[in-house]
Protein backbone atom coordinates (compact mmCIF):
# COMPACT_ATOMS: atom_id res chain seq x y z
CA MET A 1 -82.24 -7.37 165.07
CA ALA A 2 -84.68 -4.91 166.60
CA LYS A 3 -86.42 -2.50 164.28
CA LEU A 4 -85.41 1.13 164.82
CA THR A 5 -88.04 3.71 165.65
CA LYS A 6 -88.53 6.79 163.51
CA ARG A 7 -86.92 8.94 166.22
CA ALA A 8 -83.88 6.63 166.51
CA LYS A 9 -83.36 6.80 162.74
CA ARG A 10 -83.53 10.62 162.83
CA LEU A 11 -81.03 10.79 165.70
CA ARG A 12 -78.69 8.46 163.80
CA ARG A 13 -78.88 10.74 160.72
CA HIS A 14 -78.38 13.79 162.95
CA LYS A 15 -75.20 12.31 164.45
CA ARG A 16 -73.88 11.60 160.97
CA VAL A 17 -74.60 15.16 159.83
CA ARG A 18 -73.10 16.70 162.99
CA LYS A 19 -69.76 14.98 162.34
CA LYS A 20 -69.36 17.27 159.32
CA VAL A 21 -71.37 20.38 160.26
CA PHE A 22 -69.71 22.61 162.87
CA GLY A 23 -70.57 26.24 163.59
CA THR A 24 -67.79 28.78 164.12
CA ALA A 25 -67.88 32.44 165.14
CA GLU A 26 -67.49 33.47 161.47
CA ARG A 27 -70.03 30.95 160.19
CA PRO A 28 -72.39 29.66 162.91
CA ARG A 29 -74.74 26.69 162.56
CA LEU A 30 -78.42 27.21 161.73
CA CYS A 31 -80.08 24.32 163.56
CA VAL A 32 -83.69 23.33 162.82
CA TYR A 33 -86.00 21.15 164.90
CA LYS A 34 -89.56 20.31 163.99
CA SER A 35 -92.21 18.69 166.13
CA LEU A 36 -95.66 17.75 164.95
CA ARG A 37 -97.00 21.23 165.72
CA HIS A 38 -94.04 23.62 166.09
CA MET A 39 -90.72 24.64 164.54
CA HIS A 40 -87.66 25.74 166.52
CA VAL A 41 -84.69 27.39 164.82
CA GLN A 42 -81.41 28.44 166.45
CA ILE A 43 -78.14 29.91 165.26
CA ILE A 44 -75.35 28.38 167.33
CA ASP A 45 -71.62 29.08 167.66
CA ASP A 46 -70.23 25.63 168.50
CA SER A 47 -66.72 26.91 169.21
CA ALA A 48 -67.85 29.09 172.15
CA PHE A 49 -67.58 27.97 175.80
CA ASP A 50 -64.92 25.29 175.19
CA GLY A 51 -66.93 23.47 172.53
CA GLN A 52 -70.19 23.49 174.50
CA GLY A 53 -71.81 25.90 172.03
CA HIS A 54 -73.58 29.21 172.47
CA THR A 55 -76.97 30.13 171.02
CA LEU A 56 -76.67 33.50 169.29
CA VAL A 57 -80.20 33.85 167.88
CA SER A 58 -83.38 31.79 168.11
CA ALA A 59 -86.95 31.79 166.83
CA SER A 60 -89.87 29.47 167.41
CA THR A 61 -93.52 29.14 166.48
CA CYS A 62 -94.19 28.98 170.25
CA GLU A 63 -93.33 32.67 170.74
CA PRO A 64 -96.51 34.71 171.36
CA GLU A 65 -95.87 37.42 168.74
CA ILE A 66 -95.00 34.84 166.08
CA ARG A 67 -97.92 32.61 167.06
CA GLU A 68 -100.30 35.53 166.42
CA LYS A 69 -98.98 36.04 162.89
CA ILE A 70 -98.99 32.37 161.86
CA LYS A 71 -102.34 31.28 163.27
CA ASP A 72 -104.02 31.33 159.82
CA MET A 73 -101.05 29.79 157.94
CA THR A 74 -100.33 26.20 157.05
CA LYS A 75 -97.38 24.54 158.82
CA THR A 76 -95.18 24.93 155.73
CA GLU A 77 -96.03 28.64 155.37
CA ALA A 78 -95.30 29.10 159.08
CA ALA A 79 -91.94 27.37 158.61
CA LYS A 80 -91.03 29.77 155.79
CA TYR A 81 -92.03 32.70 158.01
CA ILE A 82 -89.81 31.36 160.83
CA GLY A 83 -86.92 31.21 158.35
CA GLN A 84 -87.47 34.87 157.50
CA VAL A 85 -87.69 35.84 161.19
CA ILE A 86 -84.46 34.03 162.10
CA ALA A 87 -82.69 35.68 159.15
CA GLN A 88 -83.84 39.16 160.23
CA ARG A 89 -82.69 38.55 163.80
CA ALA A 90 -79.36 37.18 162.58
CA LEU A 91 -78.74 40.14 160.28
CA GLU A 92 -79.48 42.50 163.19
CA LYS A 93 -76.69 40.76 165.12
CA GLY A 94 -74.32 40.97 162.14
CA ILE A 95 -74.54 37.30 161.08
CA LYS A 96 -74.67 36.96 157.29
CA LYS A 97 -73.30 33.46 156.61
CA VAL A 98 -74.37 30.23 158.32
CA VAL A 99 -74.03 26.47 157.95
CA PHE A 100 -77.39 24.69 157.63
CA ASP A 101 -78.05 21.80 160.03
CA ARG A 102 -81.28 20.01 159.13
CA GLY A 103 -81.23 18.09 162.41
CA GLY A 104 -81.46 14.64 160.83
CA PHE A 105 -84.71 15.52 159.08
CA LYS A 106 -85.03 15.03 155.33
CA TYR A 107 -84.55 18.22 153.30
CA HIS A 108 -88.10 18.71 152.06
CA GLY A 109 -91.36 20.19 153.27
CA ARG A 110 -91.02 22.35 156.38
CA ILE A 111 -87.23 21.99 156.66
CA LYS A 112 -86.82 23.18 153.06
CA ALA A 113 -89.30 26.02 153.70
CA VAL A 114 -87.21 27.28 156.65
CA ALA A 115 -84.10 27.28 154.45
CA GLU A 116 -85.85 29.09 151.59
CA GLY A 117 -87.31 31.70 153.94
CA ALA A 118 -83.91 32.39 155.48
CA ARG A 119 -82.26 32.66 152.07
CA GLU A 120 -84.94 35.07 150.81
CA ALA A 121 -84.43 37.28 153.87
CA GLY A 122 -80.68 37.54 153.24
CA LEU A 123 -78.83 34.70 154.98
CA GLU A 124 -76.15 32.90 152.94
CA PHE A 125 -75.58 29.14 153.13
């Protein structure tokens, strides 16, 4: 049997998680993706557009104004800041409760920091 790559294992975990985690209009899905350098966070309503999903709010460390603020932070501190930013943007749109989708990544380090940052800024999950 062929050995699975790290990415294939993550995608397998992500599929397993997505069977259970589904975002609705009342409680959309907070989806997190991390690359080696950046973090991308979206709040998605999966029930919109005939099950295709609709991104309601997003934040990323690639955005110029966010990149300026995080340039002297560690990756974990930047992840926590992204969590706070996504929570502020969500609250501005009237989103208070979300379902957390860790994207197949283990819940520690930067993924945990995003969740803690969002919780501190007022999101419930």
